[in-house]
Amino acid sequence: MEFKEIIARKIADITNLNKEDIKGYIEIPKEDSNGDFAFPCFRLAKELKQPPVLIANNIREKIELENTDISKVEAVNGYLNFYISKSQIVKESLEKFELKEEEYGKQNIGNGKTVLIDYSSPNIAKPFHIGHLKTTIIGHSLYNIYKFLGYNVIGINHLGDYGTQFAKLIEGYKRWGEEYNFSENPIDKMSEIYIRINKLCEEDEEVLEECRETFKKLEDGDSYCIQIWNKFKELSMQEFNKIYDLLGIKFDSINGESFYSDKMNEVIDLLKKSGKLIESEGSRIIDLEKEGINTPCIIQKANGSSIYATRDLAAILYRSRTYDFDKCLYVVGEEQTLHFKQVFAVSKYLGIDEKYSNGLEHVSYGMIRLPEGKMSSRKGNFIKVNDLLNEAIEKVKNIMEERDIENKELVAKQVGIGAVIFEDLAESRIKNQVFDLSKALNFNGETGPYVQYMAVRTKSVLEKARYIPKLEDVHFDVLTDDKSINLLKTISNFNDIILNSMEKNEPSIISRYIIDVAKAYSTFYNENKIISDNKKEQDARLYATYMTKVTLTNGLKLLGIEVPDKM
């Protein structure tokens, strides 16, 4: 049985609180002097109505340690510090790993459950910039995490291919289309037209009104508008797919907002039947005051055209019928928080099963900024992802030119793209971020290249030894020194890290964890001779190296990052 499980059960028996909740709060201390595991008793202060120091002292007095392999427990400043027999730490860590080996960390808790992940969703005819990269990378990592835990996962790219912005583009194309050659860099050309028409709309209200009327024509199936719109979509997807190919991302469904254009009338009919749809200044809305939302949700504009909330509701209705999902995650920036609160609240009036409305979740993330400020496609102030990825690859290629390795092109691609992905996932997704490519490409910092390099080092050690020992040949006592214990304890936490990352929809938990594993192995490697004439020592340390290789490789895969053969 795992030590966290034992500790949680002991505390639960004494406090009569939920064991699983307690288990989730157990930590691995950063300092060895604070034990092998620690429990912060301030977590129990509210339930037990006692100060943390008193709680820790009371539990310490009552806890029974017989037959547990816990050598001692100390109560220190409101913490319970647990010390485990080192030989037992080694034994349990290695045996736990040996059950899965190459699939270490993989679990089956999602068996029979379906999770939809709506992510990436770039706007047609606009450059794919680093703001879109954030949702794409977070969503792809969550896809990998849920899949690794046994869920049936459906990745959905809900393209922004509908709305007034396309009417603006059509209007701009009418005016200036002949000035542009769309055979090269078509999105750049469309972006230029979009910037021009927006500027004209700001200067002339009549032009803006013309754009609104053009959107109504698009909704009504005007042949000219449809023809131009399809052209924009085709050219855009050709460019987007280049980026997805570089990132190694494939979607299970690519249905844009337009897919739901013929499904919105049913949404309106259902909301009418619910008695919640009311008229306000010519528009149709849902009042959400009783839901604690002060802003009503607009369902249909005064001119009869739809709004993207209506299309999102049509998507929810379609997905509930098509996928019978348990969760539907929307990986979208935090600026859309109000929108999703409104849509999720209104979804309850569609007549769908309650589990679908309850399964909707907005996985928000913070703003990405350039050093000089916020990006804007209207103003043309953005970094294109294609340029960013290719720049990262080129910079790594220059570094690799000095090294004697094969497949330098492939390695440059793996490291360059891995650096960009890791930089995006290095911190909590809700934090605002200034994207710094030079920092991302640092081989010595807490970066993707550093973790990749440590994973490559483990592969190199194993290749030099030319074998991976069997667990039965490993002498546990070789691995009881402090550096080995620290490495094994960190690796043993992998299952819990993945679960925590899934429960919080937070890939950065994994990125921070594999940094810790890489650092722990670096120290272990520097302090212990691995390839040696002492077969007993070599077997034990090779097995710890193998454990590290698998943990780092699987952790990086969950983030969407490959491990090169050499670096």
Protein backbone atom coordinates (compact mmCIF):
# COMPACT_ATOMS: atom_id res chain seq x y z
CA MET A 1 0.00 0.00 0.00
CA GLU A 2 1.24 3.52 -0.80
CA PHE A 3 2.52 5.61 2.10
CA LYS A 4 0.14 8.48 1.30
CA GLU A 5 -2.73 6.01 1.55
CA ILE A 6 -1.51 4.74 4.92
CA ILE A 7 -0.99 8.25 6.31
CA ALA A 8 -4.37 9.48 5.04
CA ARG A 9 -6.16 6.48 6.55
CA LYS A 10 -4.49 6.99 9.94
CA ILE A 11 -5.42 10.69 10.03
CA ALA A 12 -8.97 9.94 8.82
CA ASP A 13 -9.48 7.32 11.54
CA ILE A 14 -8.54 9.87 14.21
CA THR A 15 -10.40 12.89 12.81
CA ASN A 16 -13.42 11.13 11.20
CA LEU A 17 -12.81 13.18 8.03
CA ASN A 18 -12.74 12.00 4.42
CA LYS A 19 -9.63 9.96 3.67
CA GLU A 20 -9.41 10.98 0.00
CA ASP A 21 -9.59 14.68 0.89
CA ILE A 22 -6.80 14.21 3.42
CA LYS A 23 -4.69 12.26 0.91
CA GLY A 24 -4.91 15.14 -1.54
CA TYR A 25 -3.24 17.49 0.96
CA ILE A 26 -0.26 15.28 1.84
CA GLU A 27 2.98 16.82 0.57
CA ILE A 28 6.54 15.76 -0.07
CA PRO A 29 8.67 18.27 1.88
CA LYS A 30 11.42 20.11 0.05
CA GLU A 31 13.77 19.67 2.98
CA ASP A 32 14.72 16.17 4.19
CA SER A 33 14.72 17.47 7.77
CA ASN A 34 10.91 17.79 7.52
CA GLY A 35 10.40 14.10 6.88
CA ASP A 36 9.43 12.07 3.83
CA PHE A 37 5.79 13.18 3.84
CA ALA A 38 4.07 16.08 5.54
CA PHE A 39 0.46 16.93 6.32
CA PRO A 40 -0.49 20.61 6.86
CA CYS A 41 -3.05 20.60 9.66
CA PHE A 42 -4.33 24.10 8.84
CA ARG A 43 -6.35 22.24 6.18
CA LEU A 44 -8.42 20.76 9.03
CA ALA A 45 -8.78 23.88 11.16
CA LYS A 46 -12.19 24.84 9.75
CA GLU A 47 -13.74 21.38 10.10
CA LEU A 48 -12.30 20.62 13.53
CA LYS A 49 -12.63 24.21 14.81
CA GLN A 50 -9.18 24.06 16.39
CA PRO A 51 -5.85 25.79 15.71
CA PRO A 52 -3.48 23.79 13.43
CA VAL A 53 -0.80 23.41 16.13
CA LEU A 54 -3.30 21.81 18.52
CA ILE A 55 -4.65 19.53 15.77
CA ALA A 56 -1.13 18.35 14.87
CA ASN A 57 -0.26 17.65 18.51
CA ASN A 58 -3.51 15.75 19.13
CA ILE A 59 -3.08 13.55 16.05
CA ARG A 60 0.57 12.93 16.94
CA GLU A 61 -0.45 11.64 20.39
CA LYS A 62 -3.15 9.31 19.05
CA ILE A 63 -1.58 7.91 15.88
CA GLU A 64 -0.55 4.24 15.91
CA LEU A 65 2.54 3.34 13.87
CA GLU A 66 2.75 -0.42 14.33
CA ASN A 67 2.97 -2.43 11.09
CA THR A 68 3.12 0.71 8.94
CA ASP A 69 6.83 1.16 8.06
CA ILE A 70 6.48 4.71 9.40
CA SER A 71 9.46 5.11 11.71
CA LYS A 72 8.28 8.28 13.45
CA VAL A 73 5.90 11.25 13.32
CA GLU A 74 6.70 14.77 14.49
CA ALA A 75 4.33 17.68 15.07
CA VAL A 76 6.07 20.91 14.01
CA ASN A 77 4.31 24.30 13.75
CA GLY A 78 0.99 22.82 12.70
CA TYR A 79 2.51 20.23 10.37
CA LEU A 80 2.70 16.48 10.85
CA ASN A 81 6.02 15.23 9.48
CA PHE A 82 6.19 11.51 8.69
CA TYR A 83 9.48 9.62 8.44
CA ILE A 84 9.47 6.37 6.47
CA SER A 85 11.95 3.51 6.59
CA LYS A 86 14.34 4.20 3.70
CA SER A 87 14.42 0.57 2.62
CA GLN A 88 10.62 0.59 2.39
CA ILE A 89 10.62 3.78 0.32
CA VAL A 90 12.97 2.12 -2.16
CA LYS A 91 11.04 -1.15 -2.20
CA GLU A 92 7.65 0.44 -2.74
CA SER A 93 8.90 2.94 -5.33
CA LEU A 94 10.53 0.27 -7.46
CA GLU A 95 7.72 -2.25 -7.15
CA LYS A 96 5.12 0.38 -7.98
CA PHE A 97 7.05 1.34 -11.12
CA GLU A 98 7.61 -2.28 -12.17
CA LEU A 99 3.85 -2.88 -12.40
CA LYS A 100 3.60 -0.52 -15.41
CA GLU A 101 7.17 0.13 -16.57
CA GLU A 102 6.90 1.88 -20.00
CA GLU A 103 3.29 2.84 -19.23
CA TYR A 104 4.17 4.17 -15.80
CA GLY A 105 1.62 6.75 -14.69
CA LYS A 106 -1.12 5.38 -16.93
CA GLN A 107 -4.41 4.72 -15.15
CA ASN A 108 -7.92 3.63 -16.04
CA ILE A 109 -10.11 5.85 -13.86
CA GLY A 110 -11.90 7.26 -16.91
CA ASN A 111 -13.08 3.92 -18.25
CA GLY A 112 -16.57 4.31 -19.74
CA LYS A 113 -16.56 8.11 -19.51
CA THR A 114 -16.40 10.60 -22.40
CA VAL A 115 -14.71 13.99 -22.27
CA LEU A 116 -15.04 16.57 -25.04
CA ILE A 117 -12.30 19.19 -25.27
CA ASP A 118 -13.08 22.28 -27.35
CA TYR A 119 -9.77 23.98 -28.08
CA SER A 120 -7.65 25.90 -30.58
CA SER A 121 -10.63 27.33 -32.53
CA PRO A 122 -8.81 29.98 -34.57
CA ASN A 123 -10.75 32.50 -36.61
CA ILE A 124 -10.82 31.86 -40.32
CA ALA A 125 -9.02 34.50 -42.40
CA LYS A 126 -6.97 35.73 -39.46
CA PRO A 127 -3.35 34.89 -38.59
CA PHE A 128 -2.83 32.07 -36.10
CA HIS A 129 -0.98 34.07 -33.43
CA ILE A 130 0.44 33.12 -30.03
CA GLY A 131 -2.90 33.84 -28.36
CA HIS A 132 -4.33 30.92 -30.35
CA LEU A 133 -1.24 28.89 -29.51
CA LYS A 134 -2.11 29.00 -25.81
CA THR A 135 -5.51 27.33 -26.18
CA THR A 136 -4.07 24.85 -28.70
CA ILE A 137 -1.25 23.73 -26.43
CA ILE A 138 -3.32 23.61 -23.22
CA GLY A 139 -6.13 21.76 -24.97
CA HIS A 140 -3.81 19.23 -26.59
CA SER A 141 -2.10 18.53 -23.26
CA LEU A 142 -5.47 18.02 -21.54
CA TYR A 143 -6.44 15.68 -24.39
CA ASN A 144 -3.30 13.62 -23.70
CA ILE A 145 -3.84 13.63 -19.93
CA TYR A 146 -7.45 12.48 -20.04
CA LYS A 147 -6.56 9.83 -22.64
CA PHE A 148 -3.71 8.59 -20.42
CA LEU A 149 -6.21 8.19 -17.59
CA GLY A 150 -8.53 5.98 -19.64
CA TYR A 151 -11.18 8.46 -20.78
CA ASN A 152 -12.75 8.40 -24.22
CA VAL A 153 -11.60 11.84 -25.41
CA ILE A 154 -12.98 13.83 -28.35
CA GLY A 155 -10.86 16.78 -29.46
CA ILE A 156 -12.97 19.47 -31.13
CA ASN A 157 -11.70 22.39 -33.19
CA HIS A 158 -14.65 24.82 -33.12
CA LEU A 159 -13.45 27.14 -35.88
CA GLY A 160 -14.48 30.76 -35.81
CA ASP A 161 -15.95 30.79 -39.31
CA TYR A 162 -19.13 32.79 -38.77
CA GLY A 163 -20.13 36.23 -37.56
CA THR A 164 -19.95 39.91 -38.45
CA GLN A 165 -16.14 39.80 -38.89
CA PHE A 166 -16.59 37.66 -42.01
CA ALA A 167 -19.12 40.09 -43.37
CA LYS A 168 -16.50 42.79 -42.83
CA LEU A 169 -13.98 40.74 -44.74
CA ILE A 170 -16.42 40.12 -47.58
CA GLU A 171 -17.12 43.84 -47.75
CA GLY A 172 -13.38 44.55 -47.78
CA TYR A 173 -12.85 41.95 -50.49
CA LYS A 174 -15.56 43.59 -52.62
CA ARG A 175 -13.72 46.91 -52.38
CA TRP A 176 -10.06 45.87 -52.62
CA GLY A 177 -9.85 42.14 -53.48
CA GLU A 178 -8.35 42.71 -56.91
CA GLU A 179 -5.38 44.51 -55.33
CA TYR A 180 -4.14 41.31 -53.67
CA ASN A 181 -2.47 38.10 -54.86
CA PHE A 182 -3.81 35.26 -52.68
CA SER A 183 -1.48 32.60 -54.06
CA GLU A 184 1.21 33.55 -51.51
CA ASN A 185 0.67 34.14 -47.78
CA PRO A 186 -3.12 34.30 -48.20
CA ILE A 187 -3.87 34.90 -44.52
CA ASP A 188 -1.55 37.90 -44.52
CA LYS A 189 -3.53 39.33 -47.43
CA MET A 190 -6.85 38.66 -45.72
CA SER A 191 -5.48 40.20 -42.54
CA GLU A 192 -4.51 43.35 -44.42
CA ILE A 193 -8.02 43.62 -45.85
CA TYR A 194 -9.50 43.03 -42.38
CA ILE A 195 -7.37 45.79 -40.87
CA ARG A 196 -8.37 48.18 -43.67
CA ILE A 197 -12.11 47.48 -43.41
CA ASN A 198 -12.03 47.82 -39.62
CA LYS A 199 -10.39 51.20 -39.94
CA LEU A 200 -13.05 52.23 -42.44
CA CYS A 201 -15.83 50.97 -40.12
CA GLU A 202 -14.43 53.09 -37.30
CA GLU A 203 -14.48 56.12 -39.55
CA ASP A 204 -17.85 55.51 -41.25
CA GLU A 205 -20.87 54.09 -39.39
CA GLU A 206 -22.63 53.41 -42.70
CA VAL A 207 -19.89 50.96 -43.73
CA LEU A 208 -20.30 49.13 -40.41
CA GLU A 209 -24.05 48.89 -41.06
CA GLU A 210 -23.36 47.52 -44.54
CA CYS A 211 -21.19 44.82 -42.93
CA ARG A 212 -24.04 43.87 -40.60
CA GLU A 213 -26.40 43.56 -43.54
CA THR A 214 -23.84 41.45 -45.41
CA PHE A 215 -23.72 39.05 -42.48
CA LYS A 216 -27.50 38.70 -42.66
CA LYS A 217 -27.12 37.87 -46.37
CA LEU A 218 -24.47 35.28 -45.46
CA GLU A 219 -26.87 33.70 -42.96
CA ASP A 220 -29.63 33.70 -45.56
CA GLY A 221 -27.42 31.83 -48.05
CA ASP A 222 -26.50 34.57 -50.54
CA SER A 223 -24.48 32.76 -53.25
CA TYR A 224 -21.81 35.44 -53.69
CA CYS A 225 -21.20 35.75 -49.95
CA ILE A 226 -21.04 31.95 -49.57
CA GLN A 227 -18.57 31.66 -52.45
CA ILE A 228 -16.15 34.22 -51.00
CA TRP A 229 -16.59 32.85 -47.49
CA ASN A 230 -15.72 29.30 -48.66
CA LYS A 231 -12.63 30.65 -50.37
CA PHE A 232 -11.49 32.26 -47.11
CA LYS A 233 -12.07 29.00 -45.21
CA GLU A 234 -10.14 26.83 -47.65
CA LEU A 235 -7.13 29.15 -47.76
CA SER A 236 -7.14 29.50 -43.96
CA MET A 237 -7.27 25.77 -43.24
CA GLN A 238 -4.29 25.16 -45.53
CA GLU A 239 -2.26 27.53 -43.37
CA PHE A 240 -3.62 26.27 -40.03
CA ASN A 241 -2.84 22.65 -40.91
CA LYS A 242 0.83 23.54 -41.39
CA ILE A 243 0.91 24.64 -37.75
CA TYR A 244 -1.03 21.61 -36.49
CA ASP A 245 1.37 19.33 -38.37
CA LEU A 246 4.37 21.02 -36.74
CA LEU A 247 2.79 20.63 -33.30
CA GLY A 248 1.74 17.02 -33.98
CA ILE A 249 -1.92 17.78 -33.32
CA LYS A 250 -4.94 16.09 -34.92
CA PHE A 251 -8.58 16.75 -34.07
CA ASP A 252 -11.44 14.28 -33.93
CA SER A 253 -13.91 16.91 -35.10
CA ILE A 254 -13.42 20.15 -37.02
CA ASN A 255 -16.83 21.80 -37.11
CA GLY A 256 -16.88 25.57 -37.14
CA GLU A 257 -19.64 27.83 -35.93
CA SER A 258 -21.22 27.65 -39.39
CA PHE A 259 -21.92 23.95 -38.87
CA TYR A 260 -24.58 24.98 -36.36
CA SER A 261 -26.22 27.65 -38.51
CA ASP A 262 -29.14 25.35 -39.44
CA LYS A 263 -29.49 24.16 -35.84
CA MET A 264 -30.14 27.52 -34.20
CA ASN A 265 -33.88 27.64 -34.96
CA GLU A 266 -34.38 24.58 -32.78
CA VAL A 267 -32.52 26.34 -29.95
CA ILE A 268 -34.82 29.33 -30.26
CA ASP A 269 -37.91 27.07 -30.33
CA LEU A 270 -36.77 25.19 -27.22
CA LEU A 271 -36.09 28.42 -25.36
CA LYS A 272 -39.53 29.70 -26.38
CA LYS A 273 -41.13 26.54 -24.97
CA SER A 274 -39.21 27.00 -21.73
CA GLY A 275 -40.92 30.37 -21.29
CA LYS A 276 -37.56 32.06 -20.68
CA LEU A 277 -37.13 33.78 -24.03
CA ILE A 278 -38.30 37.38 -23.91
CA GLU A 279 -38.09 40.43 -26.19
CA SER A 280 -36.02 43.47 -25.25
CA GLU A 281 -35.58 46.43 -27.57
CA GLY A 282 -36.32 44.23 -30.57
CA SER A 283 -33.82 41.53 -29.58
CA ARG A 284 -34.61 38.16 -27.99
CA ILE A 285 -32.88 37.53 -24.69
CA ILE A 286 -32.78 35.30 -21.63
CA ASP A 287 -32.84 37.14 -18.30
CA LEU A 288 -30.33 35.52 -15.94
CA GLU A 289 -30.82 37.63 -12.79
CA LYS A 290 -32.07 34.59 -10.87
CA GLU A 291 -28.88 32.77 -11.85
CA GLY A 292 -26.83 35.57 -10.29
CA ILE A 293 -25.78 36.94 -13.69
CA ASN A 294 -26.67 40.60 -14.15
CA THR A 295 -26.14 40.67 -17.91
CA PRO A 296 -28.86 38.98 -20.03
CA CYS A 297 -27.86 36.51 -22.73
CA ILE A 298 -28.77 37.75 -26.22
CA ILE A 299 -30.12 34.92 -28.37
CA GLN A 300 -31.17 36.83 -31.48
CA LYS A 301 -30.40 40.38 -32.61
CA ALA A 302 -33.06 42.90 -33.58
CA ASN A 303 -32.33 42.34 -37.30
CA GLY A 304 -32.97 38.61 -36.90
CA SER A 305 -29.33 37.50 -37.12
CA SER A 306 -27.82 35.14 -34.57
CA ILE A 307 -25.06 35.73 -32.06
CA TYR A 308 -22.27 33.33 -31.13
CA ALA A 309 -24.05 32.44 -27.85
CA THR A 310 -26.84 30.93 -29.96
CA ARG A 311 -24.34 28.90 -31.92
CA ASP A 312 -22.66 27.70 -28.73
CA LEU A 313 -26.04 26.58 -27.41
CA ALA A 314 -26.71 24.73 -30.68
CA ALA A 315 -23.31 23.06 -30.27
CA ILE A 316 -24.15 21.94 -26.72
CA LEU A 317 -27.43 20.46 -27.93
CA TYR A 318 -25.69 18.67 -30.80
CA ARG A 319 -22.85 17.37 -28.63
CA SER A 320 -25.17 16.04 -25.93
CA ARG A 321 -27.02 14.01 -28.56
CA THR A 322 -23.95 12.92 -30.50
CA TYR A 323 -21.41 12.11 -27.79
CA ASP A 324 -23.33 11.56 -24.52
CA PHE A 325 -20.48 13.34 -22.76
CA ASP A 326 -19.62 13.39 -19.05
CA LYS A 327 -17.51 16.55 -19.38
CA CYS A 328 -17.25 19.20 -22.06
CA LEU A 329 -14.27 21.50 -21.55
CA TYR A 330 -13.92 24.85 -23.31
CA VAL A 331 -10.28 25.97 -23.40
CA VAL A 332 -10.86 29.67 -24.02
CA GLY A 333 -9.30 32.88 -22.66
CA GLU A 334 -10.52 34.36 -19.38
CA GLU A 335 -12.02 37.36 -21.20
CA GLN A 336 -14.86 35.02 -22.26
CA THR A 337 -15.79 34.11 -18.66
CA LEU A 338 -19.11 36.02 -18.70
CA HIS A 339 -20.05 34.51 -22.06
CA PHE A 340 -19.64 30.96 -20.79
CA LYS A 341 -21.45 31.68 -17.53
CA GLN A 342 -24.38 32.90 -19.63
CA VAL A 343 -24.31 30.01 -22.10
CA PHE A 344 -23.96 27.34 -19.41
CA ALA A 345 -26.86 28.89 -17.45
CA VAL A 346 -29.10 29.05 -20.55
CA SER A 347 -28.23 25.44 -21.51
CA LYS A 348 -30.42 24.28 -18.61
CA TYR A 349 -33.45 25.53 -20.55
CA LEU A 350 -32.76 23.40 -23.65
CA GLY A 351 -34.46 20.34 -22.18
CA ILE A 352 -31.25 18.28 -22.13
CA ASP A 353 -30.31 15.92 -19.32
CA GLU A 354 -28.96 17.76 -16.27
CA LYS A 355 -25.66 15.87 -16.49
CA TYR A 356 -24.78 17.69 -19.71
CA SER A 357 -25.31 21.16 -18.27
CA ASN A 358 -23.40 20.15 -15.13
CA GLY A 359 -20.56 18.75 -17.25
CA LEU A 360 -19.83 22.03 -19.01
CA GLU A 361 -16.64 23.74 -17.85
CA HIS A 362 -14.73 26.81 -18.98
CA VAL A 363 -11.00 26.13 -18.73
CA SER A 364 -9.78 29.72 -18.86
CA TYR A 365 -6.29 31.06 -19.31
CA GLY A 366 -4.58 34.41 -18.95
CA MET A 367 -3.50 36.89 -21.56
CA ILE A 368 -0.33 36.48 -23.59
CA ARG A 369 1.41 39.75 -24.29
CA LEU A 370 4.28 40.93 -26.38
CA PRO A 371 6.96 42.88 -24.50
CA GLU A 372 5.40 46.06 -25.93
CA GLY A 373 1.84 45.21 -24.89
CA LYS A 374 -1.41 43.44 -25.81
CA MET A 375 -1.82 41.87 -29.25
CA SER A 376 -4.57 42.88 -31.66
CA SER A 377 -5.36 41.37 -35.07
CA ARG A 378 -7.34 44.52 -35.90
CA LYS A 379 -4.23 46.63 -35.50
CA GLY A 380 -1.88 44.05 -36.96
CA ASN A 381 0.09 43.77 -33.71
CA PHE A 382 0.73 40.07 -33.16
CA ILE A 383 3.26 37.23 -33.48
CA LYS A 384 2.33 34.58 -36.03
CA VAL A 385 2.80 31.06 -34.70
CA ASN A 386 4.33 29.81 -37.95
CA ASP A 387 7.06 32.44 -37.67
CA LEU A 388 7.57 31.71 -33.97
CA LEU A 389 7.92 27.94 -34.42
CA ASN A 390 10.25 28.27 -37.39
CA GLU A 391 12.39 30.82 -35.56
CA ALA A 392 12.67 28.45 -32.58
CA ILE A 393 13.66 25.57 -34.88
CA GLU A 394 16.27 27.69 -36.67
CA LYS A 395 17.84 28.86 -33.41
CA VAL A 396 18.11 25.29 -32.12
CA LYS A 397 19.52 24.22 -35.49
CA ASN A 398 22.32 26.76 -35.07
CA ILE A 399 23.11 25.32 -31.63
CA MET A 400 23.06 21.75 -32.97
CA GLU A 401 25.52 22.61 -35.76
CA GLU A 402 28.26 22.62 -33.12
CA ARG A 403 27.35 19.12 -31.90
CA ASP A 404 28.25 15.74 -33.33
CA ILE A 405 24.79 14.22 -33.64
CA GLU A 406 22.74 12.68 -36.44
CA ASN A 407 19.35 13.91 -37.68
CA LYS A 408 20.06 17.51 -36.70
CA GLU A 409 16.99 18.75 -38.59
CA LEU A 410 14.68 16.43 -36.64
CA VAL A 411 16.34 17.24 -33.30
CA ALA A 412 16.07 20.98 -34.00
CA LYS A 413 12.36 20.55 -34.70
CA GLN A 414 11.76 18.44 -31.56
CA VAL A 415 13.69 20.79 -29.28
CA GLY A 416 12.51 24.05 -30.83
CA ILE A 417 8.84 23.13 -30.77
CA GLY A 418 9.22 21.47 -27.36
CA ALA A 419 10.71 24.71 -26.02
CA VAL A 420 7.73 26.75 -27.21
CA ILE A 421 5.21 24.25 -25.81
CA PHE A 422 6.95 24.02 -22.44
CA GLU A 423 7.20 27.81 -22.15
CA ASP A 424 3.43 28.03 -22.67
CA LEU A 425 2.79 25.38 -20.01
CA ALA A 426 5.49 26.35 -17.51
CA GLU A 427 3.20 28.42 -15.30
CA SER A 428 -0.42 28.23 -14.15
CA ARG A 429 -2.70 28.73 -17.14
CA ILE A 430 -4.60 31.58 -15.47
CA LYS A 431 -1.48 33.75 -15.12
CA ASN A 432 -0.85 36.46 -17.67
CA GLN A 433 2.32 35.80 -19.64
CA VAL A 434 4.92 37.72 -21.57
CA PHE A 435 6.21 35.24 -24.13
CA ASP A 436 10.03 35.11 -24.14
CA LEU A 437 11.56 32.84 -26.78
CA SER A 438 15.15 33.37 -25.60
CA LYS A 439 14.17 32.15 -22.13
CA ALA A 440 12.26 29.19 -23.61
CA LEU A 441 15.37 28.06 -25.53
CA ASN A 442 17.71 28.15 -22.52
CA PHE A 443 19.20 24.66 -22.15
CA ASN A 444 20.21 25.31 -18.54
CA GLY A 445 17.06 26.84 -17.08
CA GLU A 446 13.74 25.38 -16.01
CA THR A 447 12.77 24.82 -19.62
CA GLY A 448 11.68 22.21 -22.12
CA PRO A 449 15.18 21.77 -23.59
CA TYR A 450 16.56 21.14 -20.09
CA VAL A 451 14.01 18.38 -19.38
CA GLN A 452 14.54 16.91 -22.87
CA TYR A 453 18.30 16.93 -22.29
CA MET A 454 17.96 15.06 -18.99
CA ALA A 455 15.67 12.49 -20.64
CA VAL A 456 18.28 12.07 -23.41
CA ARG A 457 20.98 11.65 -20.78
CA THR A 458 19.07 8.75 -19.19
CA LYS A 459 18.76 7.12 -22.62
CA SER A 460 22.48 7.59 -23.19
CA VAL A 461 23.37 5.95 -19.85
CA LEU A 462 21.16 2.96 -20.62
CA GLU A 463 22.58 2.66 -24.15
CA LYS A 464 26.12 2.72 -22.73
CA ALA A 465 25.24 -0.07 -20.28
CA ARG A 466 23.46 -2.00 -23.08
CA TYR A 467 20.88 -3.46 -20.72
CA ILE A 468 18.10 -2.64 -18.31
CA PRO A 469 18.26 -4.80 -15.17
CA LYS A 470 15.26 -6.76 -13.95
CA LEU A 471 13.77 -5.71 -10.64
CA GLU A 472 14.64 -9.07 -9.13
CA ASP A 473 18.34 -8.28 -9.70
CA VAL A 474 18.17 -4.90 -7.95
CA HIS A 475 19.53 -4.61 -4.39
CA PHE A 476 17.35 -2.01 -2.68
CA ASP A 477 19.98 -1.08 -0.09
CA VAL A 478 22.15 0.55 -2.81
CA LEU A 479 19.48 3.23 -3.26
CA THR A 480 19.07 4.33 0.36
CA ASP A 481 21.38 7.36 0.16
CA ASP A 482 19.70 10.78 0.31
CA LYS A 483 20.04 11.61 -3.41
CA SER A 484 18.60 8.27 -4.51
CA ILE A 485 15.75 8.49 -2.00
CA ASN A 486 14.86 11.98 -3.18
CA LEU A 487 14.76 10.81 -6.81
CA LEU A 488 12.63 7.75 -6.03
CA LYS A 489 10.20 9.69 -3.85
CA THR A 490 9.74 12.26 -6.59
CA ILE A 491 9.16 9.60 -9.25
CA SER A 492 6.67 7.80 -6.97
CA ASN A 493 4.49 10.89 -6.97
CA PHE A 494 3.80 10.67 -10.73
CA ASN A 495 0.36 9.04 -10.47
CA ASP A 496 -0.88 11.67 -8.04
CA ILE A 497 0.58 14.47 -10.15
CA ILE A 498 -1.32 13.32 -13.24
CA LEU A 499 -4.57 13.00 -11.29
CA ASN A 500 -4.10 16.44 -9.76
CA SER A 501 -3.38 17.90 -13.19
CA MET A 502 -6.56 16.34 -14.58
CA GLU A 503 -8.76 17.39 -11.66
CA LYS A 504 -7.60 21.01 -11.96
CA ASN A 505 -7.28 20.94 -15.78
CA GLU A 506 -3.81 22.31 -15.18
CA PRO A 507 -0.95 20.95 -17.35
CA SER A 508 1.58 23.18 -15.57
CA ILE A 509 1.40 20.80 -12.60
CA ILE A 510 3.07 18.21 -14.83
CA SER A 511 5.58 20.67 -16.31
CA ARG A 512 6.71 21.77 -12.83
CA TYR A 513 6.86 18.14 -11.70
CA ILE A 514 9.10 16.92 -14.51
CA ILE A 515 11.46 19.83 -13.80
CA ASP A 516 11.72 18.42 -10.25
CA VAL A 517 12.36 14.91 -11.60
CA ALA A 518 15.04 16.21 -13.98
CA LYS A 519 16.77 18.14 -11.19
CA ALA A 520 16.60 15.16 -8.84
CA TYR A 521 18.18 12.91 -11.47
CA SER A 522 20.90 15.47 -12.22
CA THR A 523 21.89 15.48 -8.55
CA PHE A 524 21.65 11.67 -8.37
CA TYR A 525 23.79 11.35 -11.52
CA ASN A 526 26.45 13.73 -10.22
CA GLU A 527 26.64 12.08 -6.78
CA ASN A 528 26.58 8.43 -7.84
CA LYS A 529 28.72 6.53 -10.32
CA ILE A 530 26.24 4.58 -12.43
CA ILE A 531 28.37 2.59 -14.90
CA SER A 532 30.93 0.81 -12.73
CA ASP A 533 32.69 -2.49 -12.04
CA ASN A 534 30.40 -3.05 -9.05
CA LYS A 535 27.50 -4.95 -10.66
CA LYS A 536 25.29 -4.61 -7.59
CA GLU A 537 25.58 -0.82 -7.57
CA GLN A 538 25.31 -0.56 -11.36
CA ASP A 539 22.09 -2.61 -11.55
CA ALA A 540 20.37 -0.56 -8.85
CA ARG A 541 21.39 2.79 -10.31
CA LEU A 542 20.58 1.72 -13.86
CA TYR A 543 17.09 0.76 -12.73
CA ALA A 544 16.64 4.20 -11.11
CA THR A 545 17.87 5.71 -14.39
CA TYR A 546 15.33 3.64 -16.33
CA MET A 547 12.57 4.84 -13.99
CA THR A 548 13.64 8.43 -14.62
CA LYS A 549 13.72 7.96 -18.41
CA VAL A 550 10.17 6.59 -18.49
CA THR A 551 8.82 9.25 -16.11
CA LEU A 552 10.37 12.15 -18.04
CA THR A 553 9.37 10.69 -21.41
CA ASN A 554 5.76 10.08 -20.36
CA GLY A 555 5.55 13.46 -18.65
CA LEU A 556 6.79 15.25 -21.76
CA LYS A 557 4.39 13.26 -23.96
CA LEU A 558 1.49 14.43 -21.81
CA LEU A 559 2.53 17.99 -22.57
CA GLY A 560 2.81 17.20 -26.29
CA ILE A 561 6.63 17.19 -26.39
CA GLU A 562 8.87 14.57 -28.02
CA VAL A 563 12.19 13.32 -26.64
CA PRO A 564 15.06 13.33 -29.18
CA ASP A 565 17.42 10.36 -29.43
CA LYS A 566 20.43 12.64 -29.01
CA MET A 567 21.04 16.26 -28.06
